[in-house]
PDB file of N, CA and C in Angstrom:
ATOM      1  N   UNK A   1     -17.026  10.231  28.860  1.00  0.00           N
ATOM      2  CA  UNK A   1     -16.697   9.603  27.590  1.00  0.00           C
ATOM      3  C   UNK A   1     -17.490   8.310  27.443  1.00  0.00           C
ATOM      4  N   UNK A   2     -18.199   8.182  26.356  1.00  0.00           N
ATOM      5  CA  UNK A   2     -18.972   6.967  26.122  1.00  0.00           C
ATOM      6  C   UNK A   2     -18.122   5.968  25.354  1.00  0.00           C
ATOM      7  N   UNK A   3     -18.428   4.698  25.561  1.00  0.00           N
ATOM      8  CA  UNK A   3     -17.697   3.672  24.829  1.00  0.00           C
ATOM      9  C   UNK A   3     -18.475   3.291  23.581  1.00  0.00           C
ATOM     10  N   UNK A   4     -17.753   2.870  22.592  1.00  0.00           N
ATOM     11  CA  UNK A   4     -18.348   2.443  21.340  1.00  0.00           C
ATOM     12  C   UNK A   4     -19.076   1.117  21.577  1.00  0.00           C
ATOM     13  N   UNK A   5     -20.234   0.909  20.967  1.00  0.00           N
ATOM     14  CA  UNK A   5     -20.975  -0.356  21.156  1.00  0.00           C
ATOM     15  C   UNK A   5     -20.154  -1.597  20.789  1.00  0.00           C
ATOM     16  N   UNK A   6     -19.229  -1.457  19.864  1.00  0.00           N
ATOM     17  CA  UNK A   6     -18.425  -2.621  19.483  1.00  0.00           C
ATOM     18  C   UNK A   6     -17.414  -3.010  20.557  1.00  0.00           C
ATOM     19  N   UNK A   7     -17.174  -2.115  21.532  1.00  0.00           N
ATOM     20  CA  UNK A   7     -16.304  -2.461  22.663  1.00  0.00           C
ATOM     21  C   UNK A   7     -16.884  -3.648  23.432  1.00  0.00           C
ATOM     22  N   UNK A   8     -18.194  -3.660  23.575  1.00  0.00           N
ATOM     23  CA  UNK A   8     -18.835  -4.761  24.301  1.00  0.00           C
ATOM     24  C   UNK A   8     -18.675  -6.073  23.526  1.00  0.00           C
ATOM     25  N   UNK A   9     -18.742  -6.009  22.205  1.00  0.00           N
ATOM     26  CA  UNK A   9     -18.514  -7.197  21.383  1.00  0.00           C
ATOM     27  C   UNK A   9     -17.099  -7.720  21.633  1.00  0.00           C
ATOM     28  N   UNK A  10     -16.131  -6.803  21.656  1.00  0.00           N
ATOM     29  CA  UNK A  10     -14.741  -7.193  21.931  1.00  0.00           C
ATOM     30  C   UNK A  10     -14.591  -7.834  23.306  1.00  0.00           C
ATOM     31  N   UNK A  11     -15.282  -7.294  24.290  1.00  0.00           N
ATOM     32  CA  UNK A  11     -15.209  -7.873  25.634  1.00  0.00           C
ATOM     33  C   UNK A  11     -15.704  -9.316  25.615  1.00  0.00           C
ATOM     34  N   UNK A  12     -16.815  -9.540  24.920  1.00  0.00           N
ATOM     35  CA  UNK A  12     -17.336 -10.914  24.807  1.00  0.00           C
ATOM     36  C   UNK A  12     -16.346 -11.812  24.061  1.00  0.00           C
ATOM     37  N   UNK A  13     -15.757 -11.305  22.969  1.00  0.00           N
ATOM     38  CA  UNK A  13     -14.790 -12.081  22.198  1.00  0.00           C
ATOM     39  C   UNK A  13     -13.611 -12.486  23.073  1.00  0.00           C
ATOM     40  N   UNK A  14     -13.048 -11.530  23.808  1.00  0.00           N
ATOM     41  CA  UNK A  14     -11.884 -11.810  24.663  1.00  0.00           C
ATOM     42  C   UNK A  14     -12.228 -12.795  25.784  1.00  0.00           C
ATOM     43  N   UNK A  15     -13.483 -12.800  26.205  1.00  0.00           N
ATOM     44  CA  UNK A  15     -13.904 -13.699  27.286  1.00  0.00           C
ATOM     45  C   UNK A  15     -14.360 -15.063  26.756  1.00  0.00           C
ATOM     46  N   UNK A  16     -14.333 -15.235  25.431  1.00  0.00           N
ATOM     47  CA  UNK A  16     -14.758 -16.511  24.855  1.00  0.00           C
ATOM     48  C   UNK A  16     -16.262 -16.671  24.746  1.00  0.00           C
ATOM     49  N   UNK A  17     -16.998 -15.582  24.905  1.00  0.00           N
ATOM     50  CA  UNK A  17     -18.463 -15.628  24.800  1.00  0.00           C
ATOM     51  C   UNK A  17     -18.863 -15.278  23.357  1.00  0.00           C
ATOM     52  N   UNK A  18     -18.576 -16.204  22.436  1.00  0.00           N
ATOM     53  CA  UNK A  18     -18.748 -15.929  21.018  1.00  0.00           C
ATOM     54  C   UNK A  18     -20.212 -15.754  20.620  1.00  0.00           C
ATOM     55  N   UNK A  19     -21.118 -16.516  21.264  1.00  0.00           N
ATOM     56  CA  UNK A  19     -22.547 -16.349  20.938  1.00  0.00           C
ATOM     57  C   UNK A  19     -23.029 -14.955  21.322  1.00  0.00           C
ATOM     58  N   UNK A  20     -22.627 -14.485  22.490  1.00  0.00           N
ATOM     59  CA  UNK A  20     -23.015 -13.140  22.922  1.00  0.00           C
ATOM     60  C   UNK A  20     -22.408 -12.089  21.994  1.00  0.00           C
ATOM     61  N   UNK A  21     -21.158 -12.299  21.582  1.00  0.00           N
ATOM     62  CA  UNK A  21     -20.503 -11.367  20.657  1.00  0.00           C
ATOM     63  C   UNK A  21     -21.248 -11.332  19.326  1.00  0.00           C
ATOM     64  N   UNK A  22     -21.605 -12.505  18.822  1.00  0.00           N
ATOM     65  CA  UNK A  22     -22.356 -12.578  17.569  1.00  0.00           C
ATOM     66  C   UNK A  22     -23.699 -11.876  17.674  1.00  0.00           C
ATOM     67  N   UNK A  23     -24.395 -12.108  18.773  1.00  0.00           N
ATOM     68  CA  UNK A  23     -25.713 -11.476  18.959  1.00  0.00           C
ATOM     69  C   UNK A  23     -25.609  -9.960  18.879  1.00  0.00           C
ATOM     70  N   UNK A  24     -24.579  -9.391  19.478  1.00  0.00           N
ATOM     71  CA  UNK A  24     -24.416  -7.936  19.481  1.00  0.00           C
ATOM     72  C   UNK A  24     -23.947  -7.387  18.139  1.00  0.00           C
ATOM     73  N   UNK A  25     -22.964  -8.038  17.525  1.00  0.00           N
ATOM     74  CA  UNK A  25     -22.366  -7.494  16.307  1.00  0.00           C
ATOM     75  C   UNK A  25     -23.358  -7.489  15.150  1.00  0.00           C
ATOM     76  N   UNK A  26     -24.322  -8.400  15.171  1.00  0.00           N
ATOM     77  CA  UNK A  26     -25.293  -8.483  14.092  1.00  0.00           C
ATOM     78  C   UNK A  26     -26.251  -7.293  14.056  1.00  0.00           C
ATOM     79  N   UNK A  27     -26.293  -6.519  15.126  1.00  0.00           N
ATOM     80  CA  UNK A  27     -27.196  -5.368  15.198  1.00  0.00           C
ATOM     81  C   UNK A  27     -26.535  -4.075  14.731  1.00  0.00           C
ATOM     82  N   UNK A  28     -25.288  -4.171  14.278  1.00  0.00           N
ATOM     83  CA  UNK A  28     -24.536  -2.996  13.836  1.00  0.00           C
ATOM     84  C   UNK A  28     -24.225  -3.167  12.353  1.00  0.00           C
ATOM     85  N   UNK A  29     -24.665  -2.245  11.535  1.00  0.00           N
ATOM     86  CA  UNK A  29     -24.477  -2.342  10.092  1.00  0.00           C
ATOM     87  C   UNK A  29     -23.239  -1.648   9.566  1.00  0.00           C
ATOM     88  N   UNK A  30     -22.339  -1.236  10.448  1.00  0.00           N
ATOM     89  CA  UNK A  30     -21.159  -0.481  10.024  1.00  0.00           C
ATOM     90  C   UNK A  30     -20.095  -1.398   9.402  1.00  0.00           C
ATOM     91  N   UNK A  31     -19.164  -0.769   8.706  1.00  0.00           N
ATOM     92  CA  UNK A  31     -18.030  -1.496   8.131  1.00  0.00           C
ATOM     93  C   UNK A  31     -17.152  -2.094   9.238  1.00  0.00           C
ATOM     94  N   UNK A  32     -16.988  -1.347  10.330  1.00  0.00           N
ATOM     95  CA  UNK A  32     -16.211  -1.879  11.453  1.00  0.00           C
ATOM     96  C   UNK A  32     -16.871  -3.132  12.016  1.00  0.00           C
ATOM     97  N   UNK A  33     -18.179  -3.120  12.132  1.00  0.00           N
ATOM     98  CA  UNK A  33     -18.891  -4.285  12.654  1.00  0.00           C
ATOM     99  C   UNK A  33     -18.748  -5.476  11.708  1.00  0.00           C
ATOM    100  N   UNK A  34     -18.785  -5.226  10.408  1.00  0.00           N
ATOM    101  CA  UNK A  34     -18.604  -6.317   9.444  1.00  0.00           C
ATOM    102  C   UNK A  34     -17.224  -6.950   9.606  1.00  0.00           C
ATOM    103  N   UNK A  35     -16.205  -6.099   9.791  1.00  0.00           N
ATOM    104  CA  UNK A  35     -14.848  -6.611  10.006  1.00  0.00           C
ATOM    105  C   UNK A  35     -14.793  -7.446  11.287  1.00  0.00           C
ATOM    106  N   UNK A  36     -15.370  -6.920  12.369  1.00  0.00           N
ATOM    107  CA  UNK A  36     -15.363  -7.649  13.639  1.00  0.00           C
ATOM    108  C   UNK A  36     -16.149  -8.947  13.516  1.00  0.00           C
ATOM    109  N   UNK A  37     -17.232  -8.913  12.764  1.00  0.00           N
ATOM    110  CA  UNK A  37     -18.018 -10.133  12.536  1.00  0.00           C
ATOM    111  C   UNK A  37     -17.140 -11.172  11.831  1.00  0.00           C
ATOM    112  N   UNK A  38     -16.356 -10.722  10.851  1.00  0.00           N
ATOM    113  CA  UNK A  38     -15.424 -11.623  10.177  1.00  0.00           C
ATOM    114  C   UNK A  38     -14.389 -12.192  11.130  1.00  0.00           C
ATOM    115  N   UNK A  39     -13.896 -11.351  12.020  1.00  0.00           N
ATOM    116  CA  UNK A  39     -12.916 -11.804  13.013  1.00  0.00           C
ATOM    117  C   UNK A  39     -13.539 -12.869  13.918  1.00  0.00           C
ATOM    118  N   UNK A  40     -14.787 -12.676  14.286  1.00  0.00           N
ATOM    119  CA  UNK A  40     -15.474 -13.687  15.112  1.00  0.00           C
ATOM    120  C   UNK A  40     -15.520 -15.030  14.388  1.00  0.00           C
ATOM    121  N   UNK A  41     -15.821 -14.993  13.100  1.00  0.00           N
ATOM    122  CA  UNK A  41     -15.860 -16.247  12.338  1.00  0.00           C
ATOM    123  C   UNK A  41     -14.458 -16.852  12.216  1.00  0.00           C
ATOM    124  N   UNK A  42     -13.421 -16.025  12.120  1.00  0.00           N
ATOM    125  CA  UNK A  42     -12.049 -16.542  12.145  1.00  0.00           C
ATOM    126  C   UNK A  42     -11.787 -17.267  13.455  1.00  0.00           C
ATOM    127  N   UNK A  43     -12.192 -16.631  14.537  1.00  0.00           N
ATOM    128  CA  UNK A  43     -11.999 -17.202  15.878  1.00  0.00           C
ATOM    129  C   UNK A  43     -12.648 -18.587  15.960  1.00  0.00           C
ATOM    130  N   UNK A  44     -13.778 -18.721  15.308  1.00  0.00           N
ATOM    131  CA  UNK A  44     -14.514 -19.996  15.354  1.00  0.00           C
ATOM    132  C   UNK A  44     -14.013 -21.005  14.323  1.00  0.00           C
ATOM    133  N   UNK A  45     -13.117 -20.575  13.430  1.00  0.00           N
ATOM    134  CA  UNK A  45     -12.626 -21.470  12.397  1.00  0.00           C
ATOM    135  C   UNK A  45     -13.529 -21.570  11.184  1.00  0.00           C
ATOM    136  N   UNK A  46     -14.504 -20.679  11.073  1.00  0.00           N
ATOM    137  CA  UNK A  46     -15.454 -20.672   9.958  1.00  0.00           C
ATOM    138  C   UNK A  46     -14.941 -19.705   8.883  1.00  0.00           C
ATOM    139  N   UNK A  47     -14.005 -20.194   8.071  1.00  0.00           N
ATOM    140  CA  UNK A  47     -13.317 -19.322   7.124  1.00  0.00           C
ATOM    141  C   UNK A  47     -14.218 -18.834   5.994  1.00  0.00           C
ATOM    142  N   UNK A  48     -15.177 -19.644   5.585  1.00  0.00           N
ATOM    143  CA  UNK A  48     -16.074 -19.221   4.507  1.00  0.00           C
ATOM    144  C   UNK A  48     -16.902 -18.010   4.928  1.00  0.00           C
ATOM    145  N   UNK A  49     -17.517 -18.071   6.102  1.00  0.00           N
ATOM    146  CA  UNK A  49     -18.286 -16.917   6.589  1.00  0.00           C
ATOM    147  C   UNK A  49     -17.368 -15.742   6.916  1.00  0.00           C
ATOM    148  N   UNK A  50     -16.176 -16.036   7.432  1.00  0.00           N
ATOM    149  CA  UNK A  50     -15.226 -14.957   7.723  1.00  0.00           C
ATOM    150  C   UNK A  50     -14.901 -14.192   6.447  1.00  0.00           C
ATOM    151  N   UNK A  51     -14.649 -14.909   5.372  1.00  0.00           N
ATOM    152  CA  UNK A  51     -14.328 -14.245   4.105  1.00  0.00           C
ATOM    153  C   UNK A  51     -15.497 -13.395   3.617  1.00  0.00           C
ATOM    154  N   UNK A  52     -16.705 -13.898   3.778  1.00  0.00           N
ATOM    155  CA  UNK A  52     -17.903 -13.134   3.401  1.00  0.00           C
ATOM    156  C   UNK A  52     -17.975 -11.815   4.168  1.00  0.00           C
ATOM    157  N   UNK A  53     -17.733 -11.859   5.469  1.00  0.00           N
ATOM    158  CA  UNK A  53     -17.810 -10.647   6.282  1.00  0.00           C
ATOM    159  C   UNK A  53     -16.653  -9.700   5.991  1.00  0.00           C
ATOM    160  N   UNK A  54     -15.491 -10.238   5.692  1.00  0.00           N
ATOM    161  CA  UNK A  54     -14.361  -9.386   5.280  1.00  0.00           C
ATOM    162  C   UNK A  54     -14.712  -8.662   3.984  1.00  0.00           C
ATOM    163  N   UNK A  55     -15.329  -9.370   3.056  1.00  0.00           N
ATOM    164  CA  UNK A  55     -15.761  -8.730   1.805  1.00  0.00           C
ATOM    165  C   UNK A  55     -16.728  -7.590   2.100  1.00  0.00           C
ATOM    166  N   UNK A  56     -17.678  -7.816   2.986  1.00  0.00           N
ATOM    167  CA  UNK A  56     -18.639  -6.767   3.347  1.00  0.00           C
ATOM    168  C   UNK A  56     -17.955  -5.562   3.985  1.00  0.00           C
ATOM    169  N   UNK A  57     -16.849  -5.825   4.661  1.00  0.00           N
ATOM    170  CA  UNK A  57     -16.096  -4.753   5.316  1.00  0.00           C
ATOM    171  C   UNK A  57     -15.077  -4.116   4.371  1.00  0.00           C
ATOM    172  N   UNK A  58     -15.044  -4.578   3.124  1.00  0.00           N
ATOM    173  CA  UNK A  58     -14.091  -4.091   2.122  1.00  0.00           C
ATOM    174  C   UNK A  58     -12.646  -4.304   2.581  1.00  0.00           C
ATOM    175  N   UNK A  59     -12.404  -5.471   3.182  1.00  0.00           N
ATOM    176  CA  UNK A  59     -11.061  -5.835   3.646  1.00  0.00           C
ATOM    177  C   UNK A  59     -10.583  -7.050   2.861  1.00  0.00           C
ATOM    178  N   UNK A  60      -9.297  -7.162   2.705  1.00  0.00           N
ATOM    179  CA  UNK A  60      -8.711  -8.265   1.952  1.00  0.00           C
ATOM    180  C   UNK A  60      -8.513  -9.475   2.861  1.00  0.00           C
ATOM    181  N   UNK A  61      -9.368 -10.473   2.683  1.00  0.00           N
ATOM    182  CA  UNK A  61      -9.348 -11.653   3.541  1.00  0.00           C
ATOM    183  C   UNK A  61      -8.052 -12.444   3.380  1.00  0.00           C
ATOM    184  N   UNK A  62      -7.639 -12.637   2.165  1.00  0.00           N
ATOM    185  CA  UNK A  62      -6.485 -13.520   1.910  1.00  0.00           C
ATOM    186  C   UNK A  62      -5.157 -12.904   2.332  1.00  0.00           C
ATOM    187  N   UNK A  63      -5.120 -11.602   2.544  1.00  0.00           N
ATOM    188  CA  UNK A  63      -3.873 -10.969   2.991  1.00  0.00           C
ATOM    189  C   UNK A  63      -3.980 -10.476   4.436  1.00  0.00           C
ATOM    190  N   UNK A  64      -4.908 -11.056   5.174  1.00  0.00           N
ATOM    191  CA  UNK A  64      -5.085 -10.661   6.577  1.00  0.00           C
ATOM    192  C   UNK A  64      -3.925 -11.182   7.413  1.00  0.00           C
ATOM    193  N   UNK A  65      -3.830 -10.674   8.617  1.00  0.00           N
ATOM    194  CA  UNK A  65      -2.823 -11.152   9.553  1.00  0.00           C
ATOM    195  C   UNK A  65      -3.337 -12.347  10.342  1.00  0.00           C
ATOM    196  N   UNK A  66      -2.593 -12.700  11.360  1.00  0.00           N
ATOM    197  CA  UNK A  66      -3.043 -13.747  12.274  1.00  0.00           C
ATOM    198  C   UNK A  66      -4.271 -13.243  13.033  1.00  0.00           C
ATOM    199  N   UNK A  67      -4.937 -14.121  13.725  1.00  0.00           N
ATOM    200  CA  UNK A  67      -6.094 -13.715  14.519  1.00  0.00           C
ATOM    201  C   UNK A  67      -5.704 -12.624  15.511  1.00  0.00           C
ATOM    202  N   UNK A  68      -4.591 -12.812  16.199  1.00  0.00           N
ATOM    203  CA  UNK A  68      -4.146 -11.808  17.178  1.00  0.00           C
ATOM    204  C   UNK A  68      -3.849 -10.473  16.489  1.00  0.00           C
ATOM    205  N   UNK A  69      -3.219 -10.521  15.319  1.00  0.00           N
ATOM    206  CA  UNK A  69      -2.924  -9.289  14.580  1.00  0.00           C
ATOM    207  C   UNK A  69      -4.205  -8.599  14.124  1.00  0.00           C
ATOM    208  N   UNK A  70      -5.180  -9.392  13.683  1.00  0.00           N
ATOM    209  CA  UNK A  70      -6.446  -8.819  13.233  1.00  0.00           C
ATOM    210  C   UNK A  70      -7.185  -8.152  14.390  1.00  0.00           C
ATOM    211  N   UNK A  71      -7.196  -8.797  15.533  1.00  0.00           N
ATOM    212  CA  UNK A  71      -7.854  -8.217  16.708  1.00  0.00           C
ATOM    213  C   UNK A  71      -7.152  -6.919  17.099  1.00  0.00           C
ATOM    214  N   UNK A  72      -5.832  -6.925  17.116  1.00  0.00           N
ATOM    215  CA  UNK A  72      -5.071  -5.714  17.466  1.00  0.00           C
ATOM    216  C   UNK A  72      -5.331  -4.598  16.457  1.00  0.00           C
ATOM    217  N   UNK A  73      -5.355  -4.932  15.172  1.00  0.00           N
ATOM    218  CA  UNK A  73      -5.617  -3.920  14.141  1.00  0.00           C
ATOM    219  C   UNK A  73      -7.041  -3.391  14.271  1.00  0.00           C
ATOM    220  N   UNK A  74      -7.982  -4.280  14.573  1.00  0.00           N
ATOM    221  CA  UNK A  74      -9.359  -3.836  14.753  1.00  0.00           C
ATOM    222  C   UNK A  74      -9.460  -2.891  15.948  1.00  0.00           C
ATOM    223  N   UNK A  75      -8.843  -3.264  17.057  1.00  0.00           N
ATOM    224  CA  UNK A  75      -8.900  -2.427  18.259  1.00  0.00           C
ATOM    225  C   UNK A  75      -8.305  -1.044  17.992  1.00  0.00           C
ATOM    226  N   UNK A  76      -7.223  -0.988  17.222  1.00  0.00           N
ATOM    227  CA  UNK A  76      -6.618   0.306  16.876  1.00  0.00           C
ATOM    228  C   UNK A  76      -7.570   1.117  15.995  1.00  0.00           C
ATOM    229  N   UNK A  77      -8.211   0.463  15.029  1.00  0.00           N
ATOM    230  CA  UNK A  77      -9.160   1.162  14.152  1.00  0.00           C
ATOM    231  C   UNK A  77     -10.365   1.655  14.938  1.00  0.00           C
ATOM    232  N   UNK A  78     -10.848   0.847  15.868  1.00  0.00           N
ATOM    233  CA  UNK A  78     -11.986   1.251  16.692  1.00  0.00           C
ATOM    234  C   UNK A  78     -11.608   2.429  17.586  1.00  0.00           C
ATOM    235  N   UNK A  79     -10.417   2.391  18.156  1.00  0.00           N
ATOM    236  CA  UNK A  79      -9.957   3.507  18.995  1.00  0.00           C
ATOM    237  C   UNK A  79      -9.857   4.785  18.176  1.00  0.00           C
ATOM    238  N   UNK A  80      -9.347   4.671  16.958  1.00  0.00           N
ATOM    239  CA  UNK A  80      -9.242   5.845  16.089  1.00  0.00           C
ATOM    240  C   UNK A  80     -10.626   6.369  15.722  1.00  0.00           C
ATOM    241  N   UNK A  81     -11.553   5.471  15.424  1.00  0.00           N
ATOM    242  CA  UNK A  81     -12.914   5.885  15.076  1.00  0.00           C
ATOM    243  C   UNK A  81     -13.603   6.532  16.272  1.00  0.00           C
ATOM    244  N   UNK A  82     -13.411   5.960  17.443  1.00  0.00           N
ATOM    245  CA  UNK A  82     -14.011   6.503  18.655  1.00  0.00           C
ATOM    246  C   UNK A  82     -13.424   7.871  18.972  1.00  0.00           C
ATOM    247  N   UNK A  83     -12.128   8.019  18.786  1.00  0.00           N
ATOM    248  CA  UNK A  83     -11.452   9.290  19.026  1.00  0.00           C
ATOM    249  C   UNK A  83     -11.943  10.366  18.067  1.00  0.00           C
ATOM    250  N   UNK A  84     -12.061  10.025  16.790  1.00  0.00           N
ATOM    251  CA  UNK A  84     -12.519  11.028  15.809  1.00  0.00           C
ATOM    252  C   UNK A  84     -13.986  11.385  16.030  1.00  0.00           C
ATOM    253  N   UNK A  85     -14.797  10.409  16.475  1.00  0.00           N
ATOM    254  CA  UNK A  85     -16.199  10.690  16.788  1.00  0.00           C
ATOM    255  C   UNK A  85     -16.306  11.669  17.940  1.00  0.00           C
ATOM    256  N   UNK A  86     -15.482  11.495  18.987  1.00  0.00           N
ATOM    257  CA  UNK A  86     -15.579  12.387  20.141  1.00  0.00           C
ATOM    258  C   UNK A  86     -15.043  13.769  19.824  1.00  0.00           C
ATOM    259  N   UNK A  87     -14.102  13.868  18.884  1.00  0.00           N
ATOM    260  CA  UNK A  87     -13.571  15.171  18.509  1.00  0.00           C
ATOM    261  C   UNK A  87     -14.584  15.990  17.712  1.00  0.00           C
ATOM    262  N   UNK A  88     -15.508  15.302  17.016  1.00  0.00           N
ATOM    263  CA  UNK A  88     -16.491  16.002  16.197  1.00  0.00           C
ATOM    264  C   UNK A  88     -17.659  16.535  17.018  1.00  0.00           C
ATOM    265  N   UNK A  89     -17.838  15.978  18.205  1.00  0.00           N
ATOM    266  CA  UNK A  89     -18.947  16.427  19.061  1.00  0.00           C
ATOM    267  C   UNK A  89     -18.577  17.715  19.762  1.00  0.00           C
ATOM    268  N   UNK A  90     -19.578  18.588  19.972  1.00  0.00           N
ATOM    269  CA  UNK A  90     -19.286  19.845  20.682  1.00  0.00           C
ATOM    270  C   UNK A  90     -19.003  19.621  22.156  1.00  0.00           C
TER     271      UNK A  90
END
């Protein structure tokens, strides 16, 4: 089973390596990556950029949860996406 590339971004985020997380997430053009990029900006307290990335991810910035809730929701969405991707492969 392969891990999703955004898992590594999450590992950096959880370890406080925000620059490394940013470097990786910027290379992924997916909606999930845009959401995670927004979460990174939340973590840093940069709400203006966070809102921009939430918009790109088609997520409602002003009705988001706490940082911990957003990370948990993202991890659940990533797990679901990873699960559905592996089910589609032969």
